[in-house]
Amino acid sequence: MTEKTPEPPPASLADRVSDAALRALLGVGRMLPYGWRVPLTGWLTARVVAPLAGWRARIRDNLAHAWPDIDRAELDRLLTAVPDNIGRTVAELYSGREFVDRVRPIPLEGAGAEVLEAARAANRPVVLVTGHFGNYDVARAALIAKGFRVGGLYKPMKNRLFGAHYLRAITSLGEPLFPRGAKGLAGMVKFLRSGGMLGIVVDQHMMHGLPLRFFGQTAMTATSAADLALKYDALLVPIYGIRQKDGLSFRIQVEAPIPASTPAEMTQALNDSLETVVRQHPEQWFWVHRRWKGPDGKRGWKKILESRR
C-alpha cells in the first residue's frame, strides 16, 4: 500500500511528440460543440492515433493472450471500437464542467446504490474501485456533483508533459486527488478516516502486487484498495460508468460491497467483478494496456514458473 512511486523521467523526444499530437487533437475538439467533439475525438483516435501508436497490434496481442476463442468478427470490431472509446473518454475528461453537468443527473443503479447513500449518512469511509473501463471518472464526477465527498487516487504518468495537463483536467472534475505512493498517503488516510469515499483504479500491472487471475491469466495486481478497506473499516465497493449505445451517455452501476476477508481474496473478487463487466462490454475496456506481465515486467510466466520447479 505504501510502495514508493519513482519520479517520472525527464521528457524525451517521443514524449514531446506524443504530447504535442494529443494537444493538437484536443485543440481541434475544443472548437466544436460537446456533442460533436466527443465522437470526433473517438473517430480520430481509432483511425489515426491507434494505427500510428501500434495500439491495434497490442489489442490483438492482449486478446490472443486473455480471450483466445473470441470471434474473429468481434476481434475486428474491437480493433476500432476500443480506441474509439479511449478517444471519447479523453475528450470527456478534458471537457470540464460540460462533462460534469452531463453526468450529474445520472442515477445510481445496482445493489450498492443504497449502500453508498447509507454510508454517506453514517459518515462511514468507502473505497470505490473501478477499472479503465467505459469512462472511469464518470462515477467520481457524478458523485461529487451530487454532494458526496469523493477523493481520487491517481498514478503519476511517466510522460510529465502529458501528466501535468491531464492532472489539471481530472482536477477540474472534482477534488481532492492523491498521488499514488508515499507522497499522497498522509492526505489520503486523513480523508478516509474522516468518512470520505476514495476512488481507485486497480487494473494496471503492478510489479509489487500479487499474482492474481484476470481473464484466466496471471496478472500482477495491487491489493491497495483491499488493504485500505480492512485497515480503516471502509466498505469496498466496485463501481462502473458504462457507456451507452449513443456514445455520449452513461449508466452508473454500483455493485454490492466485497465482503471482508483477506487482501488477496478481496482483490481477486475485484478482478472477477471487472472481468464480468468487460465481457459484457469488451469495447469499453482499455485493451491497449500491458496488463499481463510477469514480476520482472515482462510477459514470461511460463519460463518463470518452470524455473521455480
C-alpha atoms as a PDB file:
ATOM      1  CA  MET A   1       0.000   0.000   0.000  1.00  0.00           C
ATOM      2  CA  THR A   2       2.889   2.328   0.691  1.00  0.00           C
ATOM      3  CA  GLU A   3       5.014   1.402  -2.309  1.00  0.00           C
ATOM      4  CA  LYS A   4       7.229   4.253  -3.382  1.00  0.00           C
ATOM      5  CA  THR A   5       6.375   5.670  -6.783  1.00  0.00           C
ATOM      6  CA  PRO A   6       9.531   6.652  -8.676  1.00  0.00           C
ATOM      7  CA  GLU A   7       9.790  10.129 -10.117  1.00  0.00           C
ATOM      8  CA  PRO A   8       8.935  10.218 -13.831  1.00  0.00           C
ATOM      9  CA  PRO A   9      11.995  10.589 -16.090  1.00  0.00           C
ATOM     10  CA  PRO A  10      12.622  13.841 -17.997  1.00  0.00           C
ATOM     11  CA  ALA A  11      10.536  14.306 -21.125  1.00  0.00           C
ATOM     12  CA  SER A  12      12.051  12.521 -24.107  1.00  0.00           C
ATOM     13  CA  LEU A  13      11.631  13.448 -27.759  1.00  0.00           C
ATOM     14  CA  ALA A  14       8.942  10.780 -28.057  1.00  0.00           C
ATOM     15  CA  ASP A  15       7.155  12.263 -25.021  1.00  0.00           C
ATOM     16  CA  ARG A  16       7.222  15.708 -26.602  1.00  0.00           C
ATOM     17  CA  VAL A  17       5.911  14.440 -29.925  1.00  0.00           C
ATOM     18  CA  SER A  18       3.074  12.423 -28.373  1.00  0.00           C
ATOM     19  CA  ASP A  19       2.126  15.293 -26.083  1.00  0.00           C
ATOM     20  CA  ALA A  20       2.094  17.743 -28.998  1.00  0.00           C
ATOM     21  CA  ALA A  21      -0.092  15.362 -31.017  1.00  0.00           C
ATOM     22  CA  LEU A  22      -2.560  14.997 -28.139  1.00  0.00           C
ATOM     23  CA  ARG A  23      -2.708  18.746 -27.593  1.00  0.00           C
ATOM     24  CA  ALA A  24      -3.419  19.252 -31.280  1.00  0.00           C
ATOM     25  CA  LEU A  25      -6.174  16.636 -31.199  1.00  0.00           C
ATOM     26  CA  LEU A  26      -7.773  18.210 -28.139  1.00  0.00           C
ATOM     27  CA  GLY A  27      -7.372  21.676 -29.602  1.00  0.00           C
ATOM     28  CA  VAL A  28      -9.379  20.692 -32.658  1.00  0.00           C
ATOM     29  CA  GLY A  29     -12.022  19.165 -30.433  1.00  0.00           C
ATOM     30  CA  ARG A  30     -12.429  22.236 -28.231  1.00  0.00           C
ATOM     31  CA  MET A  31     -13.542  24.259 -31.230  1.00  0.00           C
ATOM     32  CA  LEU A  32     -16.606  22.032 -31.590  1.00  0.00           C
ATOM     33  CA  PRO A  33     -19.777  21.595 -29.520  1.00  0.00           C
ATOM     34  CA  TYR A  34     -19.619  18.758 -26.970  1.00  0.00           C
ATOM     35  CA  GLY A  35     -21.943  16.510 -28.990  1.00  0.00           C
ATOM     36  CA  TRP A  36     -19.547  16.663 -31.964  1.00  0.00           C
ATOM     37  CA  ARG A  37     -16.290  16.923 -30.024  1.00  0.00           C
ATOM     38  CA  VAL A  38     -16.568  13.585 -28.234  1.00  0.00           C
ATOM     39  CA  PRO A  39     -17.409  11.348 -31.235  1.00  0.00           C
ATOM     40  CA  LEU A  40     -14.913  13.156 -33.484  1.00  0.00           C
ATOM     41  CA  THR A  41     -12.108  12.625 -30.972  1.00  0.00           C
ATOM     42  CA  GLY A  42     -13.089   8.970 -30.758  1.00  0.00           C
ATOM     43  CA  TRP A  43     -13.092   8.648 -34.552  1.00  0.00           C
ATOM     44  CA  LEU A  44      -9.666  10.291 -34.907  1.00  0.00           C
ATOM     45  CA  THR A  45      -8.198   8.201 -32.093  1.00  0.00           C
ATOM     46  CA  ALA A  46      -9.451   4.975 -33.659  1.00  0.00           C
ATOM     47  CA  ARG A  47      -8.405   5.744 -37.233  1.00  0.00           C
ATOM     48  CA  VAL A  48      -5.315   7.941 -36.827  1.00  0.00           C
ATOM     49  CA  VAL A  49      -3.803   7.618 -33.353  1.00  0.00           C
ATOM     50  CA  ALA A  50      -4.317   3.872 -32.845  1.00  0.00           C
ATOM     51  CA  PRO A  51      -2.564   2.739 -36.056  1.00  0.00           C
ATOM     52  CA  LEU A  52       0.345   5.156 -35.527  1.00  0.00           C
ATOM     53  CA  ALA A  53       0.755   4.217 -31.852  1.00  0.00           C
ATOM     54  CA  GLY A  54       0.660   0.474 -32.509  1.00  0.00           C
ATOM     55  CA  TRP A  55      -2.490   0.027 -30.431  1.00  0.00           C
ATOM     56  CA  ARG A  56      -4.113  -2.394 -32.849  1.00  0.00           C
ATOM     57  CA  ALA A  57      -1.245  -4.830 -32.512  1.00  0.00           C
ATOM     58  CA  ARG A  58      -1.383  -4.541 -28.738  1.00  0.00           C
ATOM     59  CA  ILE A  59      -5.147  -5.130 -28.690  1.00  0.00           C
ATOM     60  CA  ARG A  60      -4.678  -8.229 -30.843  1.00  0.00           C
ATOM     61  CA  ASP A  61      -1.885  -9.447 -28.586  1.00  0.00           C
ATOM     62  CA  ASN A  62      -3.862  -8.956 -25.376  1.00  0.00           C
ATOM     63  CA  LEU A  63      -6.959 -10.626 -26.764  1.00  0.00           C
ATOM     64  CA  ALA A  64      -4.930 -13.564 -28.077  1.00  0.00           C
ATOM     65  CA  HIS A  65      -3.458 -13.974 -24.596  1.00  0.00           C
ATOM     66  CA  ALA A  66      -6.594 -13.470 -22.493  1.00  0.00           C
ATOM     67  CA  TRP A  67      -9.508 -14.282 -24.793  1.00  0.00           C
ATOM     68  CA  PRO A  68      -8.128 -16.638 -27.469  1.00  0.00           C
ATOM     69  CA  ASP A  69     -11.515 -18.023 -28.508  1.00  0.00           C
ATOM     70  CA  ILE A  70     -13.075 -14.630 -29.221  1.00  0.00           C
ATOM     71  CA  ASP A  71     -14.991 -14.485 -32.502  1.00  0.00           C
ATOM     72  CA  ARG A  72     -12.939 -13.117 -35.430  1.00  0.00           C
ATOM     73  CA  ALA A  73     -15.629 -10.602 -36.374  1.00  0.00           C
ATOM     74  CA  GLU A  74     -15.743  -9.382 -32.773  1.00  0.00           C
ATOM     75  CA  LEU A  75     -11.961  -9.064 -32.723  1.00  0.00           C
ATOM     76  CA  ASP A  76     -12.031  -6.923 -35.858  1.00  0.00           C
ATOM     77  CA  ARG A  77     -14.735  -4.731 -34.304  1.00  0.00           C
ATOM     78  CA  LEU A  78     -12.714  -4.202 -31.148  1.00  0.00           C
ATOM     79  CA  LEU A  79      -9.669  -3.004 -33.094  1.00  0.00           C
ATOM     80  CA  THR A  80     -11.668   0.146 -33.877  1.00  0.00           C
ATOM     81  CA  ALA A  81     -14.183   0.268 -31.020  1.00  0.00           C
ATOM     82  CA  VAL A  82     -11.619   0.129 -28.188  1.00  0.00           C
ATOM     83  CA  PRO A  83      -9.550   3.159 -29.293  1.00  0.00           C
ATOM     84  CA  ASP A  84     -12.786   4.975 -30.172  1.00  0.00           C
ATOM     85  CA  ASN A  85     -13.903   4.625 -26.543  1.00  0.00           C
ATOM     86  CA  ILE A  86     -10.480   5.768 -25.325  1.00  0.00           C
ATOM     87  CA  GLY A  87     -10.643   8.875 -27.503  1.00  0.00           C
ATOM     88  CA  ARG A  88     -14.147   9.687 -26.303  1.00  0.00           C
ATOM     89  CA  THR A  89     -13.018   9.282 -22.702  1.00  0.00           C
ATOM     90  CA  VAL A  90     -10.106  11.690 -23.158  1.00  0.00           C
ATOM     91  CA  ALA A  91     -12.357  14.277 -24.803  1.00  0.00           C
ATOM     92  CA  GLU A  92     -14.851  13.973 -21.931  1.00  0.00           C
ATOM     93  CA  LEU A  93     -12.231  14.300 -19.210  1.00  0.00           C
ATOM     94  CA  TYR A  94     -10.925  17.456 -20.870  1.00  0.00           C
ATOM     95  CA  SER A  95     -14.419  18.962 -21.137  1.00  0.00           C
ATOM     96  CA  GLY A  96     -14.569  20.028 -17.500  1.00  0.00           C
ATOM     97  CA  ARG A  97     -17.901  21.478 -16.401  1.00  0.00           C
ATOM     98  CA  GLU A  98     -19.657  20.375 -19.593  1.00  0.00           C
ATOM     99  CA  PHE A  99     -18.879  16.794 -18.693  1.00  0.00           C
ATOM    100  CA  VAL A 100     -19.842  17.254 -15.031  1.00  0.00           C
ATOM    101  CA  ASP A 101     -23.176  18.813 -15.999  1.00  0.00           C
ATOM    102  CA  ARG A 102     -23.943  15.793 -18.177  1.00  0.00           C
ATOM    103  CA  VAL A 103     -23.146  13.164 -15.540  1.00  0.00           C
ATOM    104  CA  ARG A 104     -24.673  14.949 -12.521  1.00  0.00           C
ATOM    105  CA  PRO A 105     -28.258  13.705 -13.104  1.00  0.00           C
ATOM    106  CA  ILE A 106     -27.305  10.060 -13.743  1.00  0.00           C
ATOM    107  CA  PRO A 107     -28.958   7.876 -11.072  1.00  0.00           C
ATOM    108  CA  LEU A 108     -27.001   5.285  -9.129  1.00  0.00           C
ATOM    109  CA  GLU A 109     -28.072   1.741 -10.034  1.00  0.00           C
ATOM    110  CA  GLY A 110     -27.332  -1.670  -8.599  1.00  0.00           C
ATOM    111  CA  ALA A 111     -27.144  -3.452  -5.271  1.00  0.00           C
ATOM    112  CA  GLY A 112     -24.621  -0.968  -3.868  1.00  0.00           C
ATOM    113  CA  ALA A 113     -26.529   2.244  -4.631  1.00  0.00           C
ATOM    114  CA  GLU A 114     -28.420   2.340  -1.322  1.00  0.00           C
ATOM    115  CA  VAL A 115     -25.245   1.234   0.463  1.00  0.00           C
ATOM    116  CA  LEU A 116     -23.449   4.384  -0.687  1.00  0.00           C
ATOM    117  CA  GLU A 117     -26.328   6.575   0.477  1.00  0.00           C
ATOM    118  CA  ALA A 118     -26.297   4.864   3.872  1.00  0.00           C
ATOM    119  CA  ALA A 119     -22.520   5.203   4.160  1.00  0.00           C
ATOM    120  CA  ARG A 120     -22.747   8.926   3.427  1.00  0.00           C
ATOM    121  CA  ALA A 121     -25.435   9.358   6.081  1.00  0.00           C
ATOM    122  CA  ALA A 122     -23.345   7.409   8.622  1.00  0.00           C
ATOM    123  CA  ASN A 123     -20.098   9.147   7.611  1.00  0.00           C
ATOM    124  CA  ARG A 124     -18.517   5.723   7.009  1.00  0.00           C
ATOM    125  CA  PRO A 125     -15.472   5.532   4.735  1.00  0.00           C
ATOM    126  CA  VAL A 126     -15.815   3.786   1.387  1.00  0.00           C
ATOM    127  CA  VAL A 127     -13.190   2.625  -1.115  1.00  0.00           C
ATOM    128  CA  LEU A 128     -14.732   2.822  -4.581  1.00  0.00           C
ATOM    129  CA  VAL A 129     -12.978   0.591  -7.107  1.00  0.00           C
ATOM    130  CA  THR A 130     -13.194   0.646 -10.883  1.00  0.00           C
ATOM    131  CA  GLY A 131     -11.059  -0.137 -13.906  1.00  0.00           C
ATOM    132  CA  HIS A 132     -10.065   1.600 -17.134  1.00  0.00           C
ATOM    133  CA  PHE A 133     -13.493   0.831 -18.455  1.00  0.00           C
ATOM    134  CA  GLY A 134     -16.219   2.958 -20.057  1.00  0.00           C
ATOM    135  CA  ASN A 135     -15.291   6.340 -18.685  1.00  0.00           C
ATOM    136  CA  TYR A 136     -13.589   5.590 -15.381  1.00  0.00           C
ATOM    137  CA  ASP A 137     -14.211   9.095 -13.966  1.00  0.00           C
ATOM    138  CA  VAL A 138     -17.967   9.205 -14.584  1.00  0.00           C
ATOM    139  CA  ALA A 139     -18.809   7.862 -11.118  1.00  0.00           C
ATOM    140  CA  ARG A 140     -16.380  10.143  -9.267  1.00  0.00           C
ATOM    141  CA  ALA A 141     -17.543  13.258 -11.106  1.00  0.00           C
ATOM    142  CA  ALA A 142     -21.234  12.376 -10.711  1.00  0.00           C
ATOM    143  CA  LEU A 143     -20.961  11.548  -7.005  1.00  0.00           C
ATOM    144  CA  ILE A 144     -19.104  14.779  -6.243  1.00  0.00           C
ATOM    145  CA  ALA A 145     -21.717  16.734  -8.208  1.00  0.00           C
ATOM    146  CA  LYS A 146     -24.425  15.024  -6.115  1.00  0.00           C
ATOM    147  CA  GLY A 147     -22.783  16.164  -2.875  1.00  0.00           C
ATOM    148  CA  PHE A 148     -20.788  13.047  -1.932  1.00  0.00           C
ATOM    149  CA  ARG A 149     -17.289  13.558  -0.522  1.00  0.00           C
ATOM    150  CA  VAL A 150     -15.220  11.611  -3.048  1.00  0.00           C
ATOM    151  CA  GLY A 151     -11.463  11.766  -3.495  1.00  0.00           C
ATOM    152  CA  GLY A 152      -9.383  10.024  -6.129  1.00  0.00           C
ATOM    153  CA  LEU A 153      -6.101   8.120  -6.094  1.00  0.00           C
ATOM    154  CA  TYR A 154      -4.095   8.574  -9.281  1.00  0.00           C
ATOM    155  CA  LYS A 155      -0.830   7.248 -10.646  1.00  0.00           C
ATOM    156  CA  PRO A 156       1.578   9.975 -11.839  1.00  0.00           C
ATOM    157  CA  MET A 157       2.358   9.467 -15.506  1.00  0.00           C
ATOM    158  CA  LYS A 158       5.757   8.712 -16.971  1.00  0.00           C
ATOM    159  CA  ASN A 159       5.262  11.452 -19.561  1.00  0.00           C
ATOM    160  CA  ARG A 160       5.493  14.569 -17.396  1.00  0.00           C
ATOM    161  CA  LEU A 161       4.256  16.859 -20.154  1.00  0.00           C
ATOM    162  CA  PHE A 162       1.046  14.890 -20.613  1.00  0.00           C
ATOM    163  CA  GLY A 163       0.744  14.212 -16.886  1.00  0.00           C
ATOM    164  CA  ALA A 164       0.717  17.912 -15.994  1.00  0.00           C
ATOM    165  CA  HIS A 165      -2.294  18.906 -18.109  1.00  0.00           C
ATOM    166  CA  TYR A 166      -4.043  15.568 -17.522  1.00  0.00           C
ATOM    167  CA  LEU A 167      -3.918  16.227 -13.778  1.00  0.00           C
ATOM    168  CA  ARG A 168      -5.410  19.689 -14.335  1.00  0.00           C
ATOM    169  CA  ALA A 169      -8.176  18.105 -16.412  1.00  0.00           C
ATOM    170  CA  ILE A 170      -9.223  15.492 -13.864  1.00  0.00           C
ATOM    171  CA  THR A 171      -8.905  18.031 -11.029  1.00  0.00           C
ATOM    172  CA  SER A 172     -11.497  20.175 -12.802  1.00  0.00           C
ATOM    173  CA  LEU A 173     -13.984  17.307 -12.380  1.00  0.00           C
ATOM    174  CA  GLY A 174     -13.647  17.323  -8.600  1.00  0.00           C
ATOM    175  CA  GLU A 175     -11.218  17.219  -5.682  1.00  0.00           C
ATOM    176  CA  PRO A 176      -9.335  16.053  -3.667  1.00  0.00           C
ATOM    177  CA  LEU A 177      -6.861  13.951  -5.643  1.00  0.00           C
ATOM    178  CA  PHE A 178      -3.973  12.000  -4.097  1.00  0.00           C
ATOM    179  CA  PRO A 179      -0.888  10.723  -5.963  1.00  0.00           C
ATOM    180  CA  ARG A 180      -0.157   7.022  -5.501  1.00  0.00           C
ATOM    181  CA  GLY A 181       2.732   6.291  -3.135  1.00  0.00           C
ATOM    182  CA  ALA A 182       4.179   7.900  -0.036  1.00  0.00           C
ATOM    183  CA  LYS A 183       3.615  11.432  -1.367  1.00  0.00           C
ATOM    184  CA  GLY A 184      -0.171  11.206  -1.197  1.00  0.00           C
ATOM    185  CA  LEU A 185      -0.521   8.686   1.631  1.00  0.00           C
ATOM    186  CA  ALA A 186      -0.987  11.054   4.592  1.00  0.00           C
ATOM    187  CA  GLY A 187      -3.712  13.120   2.919  1.00  0.00           C
ATOM    188  CA  MET A 188      -5.474  10.035   1.594  1.00  0.00           C
ATOM    189  CA  VAL A 189      -5.564   8.356   5.033  1.00  0.00           C
ATOM    190  CA  LYS A 190      -6.816  11.516   6.718  1.00  0.00           C
ATOM    191  CA  PHE A 191      -9.568  11.818   4.110  1.00  0.00           C
ATOM    192  CA  LEU A 192     -10.692   8.204   4.563  1.00  0.00           C
ATOM    193  CA  ARG A 193     -10.653   8.433   8.345  1.00  0.00           C
ATOM    194  CA  SER A 194     -12.901  11.476   8.147  1.00  0.00           C
ATOM    195  CA  GLY A 195     -15.571   9.397   6.397  1.00  0.00           C
ATOM    196  CA  GLY A 196     -14.658  10.217   2.807  1.00  0.00           C
ATOM    197  CA  MET A 197     -15.037   7.976  -0.221  1.00  0.00           C
ATOM    198  CA  LEU A 198     -11.861   7.196  -2.148  1.00  0.00           C
ATOM    199  CA  GLY A 199     -11.882   6.185  -5.823  1.00  0.00           C
ATOM    200  CA  ILE A 200      -9.167   3.787  -7.029  1.00  0.00           C
ATOM    201  CA  VAL A 201      -8.474   2.236 -10.448  1.00  0.00           C
ATOM    202  CA  VAL A 202      -6.904  -1.209  -9.946  1.00  0.00           C
ATOM    203  CA  ASP A 203      -6.496  -2.834 -13.362  1.00  0.00           C
ATOM    204  CA  GLN A 204      -2.929  -1.943 -14.306  1.00  0.00           C
ATOM    205  CA  HIS A 205       0.165  -4.097 -13.937  1.00  0.00           C
ATOM    206  CA  MET A 206       1.803  -3.558 -10.530  1.00  0.00           C
ATOM    207  CA  MET A 207       5.211  -5.166 -10.200  1.00  0.00           C
ATOM    208  CA  HIS A 208       4.927  -5.333  -6.397  1.00  0.00           C
ATOM    209  CA  GLY A 209       1.361  -6.648  -6.423  1.00  0.00           C
ATOM    210  CA  LEU A 210       0.102 -10.220  -6.095  1.00  0.00           C
ATOM    211  CA  PRO A 211      -0.109 -12.726  -8.976  1.00  0.00           C
ATOM    212  CA  LEU A 212      -3.897 -12.950  -9.172  1.00  0.00           C
ATOM    213  CA  ARG A 213      -6.179 -14.018 -12.025  1.00  0.00           C
ATOM    214  CA  PHE A 214      -7.810 -11.857 -14.679  1.00  0.00           C
ATOM    215  CA  PHE A 215      -9.456 -13.487 -17.706  1.00  0.00           C
ATOM    216  CA  GLY A 216      -7.966 -16.764 -16.531  1.00  0.00           C
ATOM    217  CA  GLN A 217      -4.407 -15.432 -16.800  1.00  0.00           C
ATOM    218  CA  THR A 218      -1.945 -14.333 -14.138  1.00  0.00           C
ATOM    219  CA  ALA A 219      -1.987 -10.568 -13.638  1.00  0.00           C
ATOM    220  CA  MET A 220       0.100  -8.727 -11.059  1.00  0.00           C
ATOM    221  CA  THR A 221      -2.486  -6.757  -9.099  1.00  0.00           C
ATOM    222  CA  ALA A 222      -2.104  -4.194  -6.303  1.00  0.00           C
ATOM    223  CA  THR A 223      -4.022  -5.018  -3.118  1.00  0.00           C
ATOM    224  CA  SER A 224      -4.029  -1.358  -2.029  1.00  0.00           C
ATOM    225  CA  ALA A 225      -7.817  -0.976  -2.194  1.00  0.00           C
ATOM    226  CA  ALA A 226      -8.457  -4.044  -0.018  1.00  0.00           C
ATOM    227  CA  ASP A 227      -5.642  -3.089   2.366  1.00  0.00           C
ATOM    228  CA  LEU A 228      -7.202   0.340   2.911  1.00  0.00           C
ATOM    229  CA  ALA A 229     -10.698  -1.084   3.374  1.00  0.00           C
ATOM    230  CA  LEU A 230      -9.517  -3.550   6.010  1.00  0.00           C
ATOM    231  CA  LYS A 231      -7.284  -1.134   7.885  1.00  0.00           C
ATOM    232  CA  TYR A 232      -9.790   1.720   8.099  1.00  0.00           C
ATOM    233  CA  ASP A 233     -13.046  -0.304   8.306  1.00  0.00           C
ATOM    234  CA  ALA A 234     -14.166   1.023   4.934  1.00  0.00           C
ATOM    235  CA  LEU A 235     -16.614  -0.591   2.554  1.00  0.00           C
ATOM    236  CA  LEU A 236     -15.021  -1.920  -0.646  1.00  0.00           C
ATOM    237  CA  VAL A 237     -17.425  -1.200  -3.496  1.00  0.00           C
ATOM    238  CA  PRO A 238     -16.955  -1.898  -7.238  1.00  0.00           C
ATOM    239  CA  ILE A 239     -18.439   0.867  -9.392  1.00  0.00           C
ATOM    240  CA  TYR A 240     -18.557   1.424 -13.174  1.00  0.00           C
ATOM    241  CA  GLY A 241     -19.507   4.177 -15.606  1.00  0.00           C
ATOM    242  CA  ILE A 242     -20.923   2.195 -18.529  1.00  0.00           C
ATOM    243  CA  ARG A 243     -21.135   3.988 -21.873  1.00  0.00           C
ATOM    244  CA  GLN A 244     -24.483   3.676 -23.630  1.00  0.00           C
ATOM    245  CA  LYS A 245     -25.202   2.985 -27.306  1.00  0.00           C
ATOM    246  CA  ASP A 246     -25.450   6.688 -28.188  1.00  0.00           C
ATOM    247  CA  GLY A 247     -21.749   7.008 -27.282  1.00  0.00           C
ATOM    248  CA  LEU A 248     -22.366  10.053 -25.081  1.00  0.00           C
ATOM    249  CA  SER A 249     -24.488   8.981 -22.113  1.00  0.00           C
ATOM    250  CA  PHE A 250     -23.756   6.578 -19.246  1.00  0.00           C
ATOM    251  CA  ARG A 251     -25.205   4.316 -16.592  1.00  0.00           C
ATOM    252  CA  ILE A 252     -23.553   4.220 -13.166  1.00  0.00           C
ATOM    253  CA  GLN A 253     -23.546   0.655 -11.858  1.00  0.00           C
ATOM    254  CA  VAL A 254     -22.759   0.256  -8.143  1.00  0.00           C
ATOM    255  CA  GLU A 255     -22.198  -3.311  -7.019  1.00  0.00           C
ATOM    256  CA  ALA A 256     -22.635  -4.779  -3.543  1.00  0.00           C
ATOM    257  CA  PRO A 257     -19.644  -4.326  -1.217  1.00  0.00           C
ATOM    258  CA  ILE A 258     -16.957  -7.006  -1.322  1.00  0.00           C
ATOM    259  CA  PRO A 259     -17.129  -8.996   1.960  1.00  0.00           C
ATOM    260  CA  ALA A 260     -14.154  -8.517   4.279  1.00  0.00           C
ATOM    261  CA  SER A 261     -11.683 -11.415   4.166  1.00  0.00           C
ATOM    262  CA  THR A 262      -8.022 -11.319   3.117  1.00  0.00           C
ATOM    263  CA  PRO A 263      -6.475  -8.711   0.803  1.00  0.00           C
ATOM    264  CA  ALA A 264      -5.812 -11.400  -1.825  1.00  0.00           C
ATOM    265  CA  GLU A 265      -9.364 -12.761  -1.751  1.00  0.00           C
ATOM    266  CA  MET A 266     -10.941  -9.312  -1.818  1.00  0.00           C
ATOM    267  CA  THR A 267      -8.713  -8.140  -4.670  1.00  0.00           C
ATOM    268  CA  GLN A 268      -9.464 -11.285  -6.666  1.00  0.00           C
ATOM    269  CA  ALA A 269     -13.170 -10.519  -6.200  1.00  0.00           C
ATOM    270  CA  LEU A 270     -12.493  -7.057  -7.663  1.00  0.00           C
ATOM    271  CA  ASN A 271     -10.746  -8.629 -10.667  1.00  0.00           C
ATOM    272  CA  ASP A 272     -13.683 -11.001 -11.130  1.00  0.00           C
ATOM    273  CA  SER A 273     -16.174  -8.119 -10.952  1.00  0.00           C
ATOM    274  CA  LEU A 274     -14.300  -6.146 -13.601  1.00  0.00           C
ATOM    275  CA  GLU A 275     -13.930  -9.184 -15.841  1.00  0.00           C
ATOM    276  CA  THR A 276     -17.688  -9.696 -15.757  1.00  0.00           C
ATOM    277  CA  VAL A 277     -18.489  -6.184 -16.982  1.00  0.00           C
ATOM    278  CA  VAL A 278     -15.678  -6.282 -19.565  1.00  0.00           C
ATOM    279  CA  ARG A 279     -17.054  -9.495 -21.032  1.00  0.00           C
ATOM    280  CA  GLN A 280     -20.447  -7.762 -21.301  1.00  0.00           C
ATOM    281  CA  HIS A 281     -18.947  -4.633 -22.933  1.00  0.00           C
ATOM    282  CA  PRO A 282     -15.472  -5.599 -24.260  1.00  0.00           C
ATOM    283  CA  GLU A 283     -15.132  -2.471 -26.400  1.00  0.00           C
ATOM    284  CA  GLN A 284     -15.174  -0.326 -23.247  1.00  0.00           C
ATOM    285  CA  TRP A 285     -12.049  -1.724 -21.565  1.00  0.00           C
ATOM    286  CA  PHE A 286      -8.609  -0.299 -22.345  1.00  0.00           C
ATOM    287  CA  TRP A 287      -7.142  -3.359 -24.082  1.00  0.00           C
ATOM    288  CA  VAL A 288      -4.132  -1.208 -25.023  1.00  0.00           C
ATOM    289  CA  HIS A 289      -2.663  -1.523 -21.509  1.00  0.00           C
ATOM    290  CA  ARG A 290       0.090  -4.061 -20.893  1.00  0.00           C
ATOM    291  CA  ARG A 291      -1.960  -5.796 -18.215  1.00  0.00           C
ATOM    292  CA  TRP A 292      -0.443  -9.280 -18.234  1.00  0.00           C
ATOM    293  CA  LYS A 293       3.229  -9.335 -17.303  1.00  0.00           C
ATOM    294  CA  GLY A 294       5.474 -11.364 -15.033  1.00  0.00           C
ATOM    295  CA  PRO A 295       7.030  -9.930 -11.837  1.00  0.00           C
ATOM    296  CA  ASP A 296      10.011  -8.734 -13.891  1.00  0.00           C
ATOM    297  CA  GLY A 297       7.767  -6.508 -16.001  1.00  0.00           C
ATOM    298  CA  LYS A 298       7.751  -8.863 -18.968  1.00  0.00           C
ATOM    299  CA  ARG A 299       5.207 -11.465 -20.020  1.00  0.00           C
ATOM    300  CA  GLY A 300       7.215 -14.545 -19.168  1.00  0.00           C
ATOM    301  CA  TRP A 301       5.084 -16.512 -16.752  1.00  0.00           C
ATOM    302  CA  LYS A 302       5.752 -19.928 -18.261  1.00  0.00           C
ATOM    303  CA  LYS A 303       9.532 -19.569 -18.016  1.00  0.00           C
ATOM    304  CA  ILE A 304       9.287 -18.015 -14.535  1.00  0.00           C
ATOM    305  CA  LEU A 305       7.121 -20.807 -13.167  1.00  0.00           C
ATOM    306  CA  GLU A 306       9.247 -23.502 -14.809  1.00  0.00           C
ATOM    307  CA  SER A 307      12.378 -22.008 -13.241  1.00  0.00           C
ATOM    308  CA  ARG A 308      10.830 -22.321  -9.784  1.00  0.00           C
ATOM    309  CA  ARG A 309      10.094 -26.068 -10.057  1.00  0.00           C
END
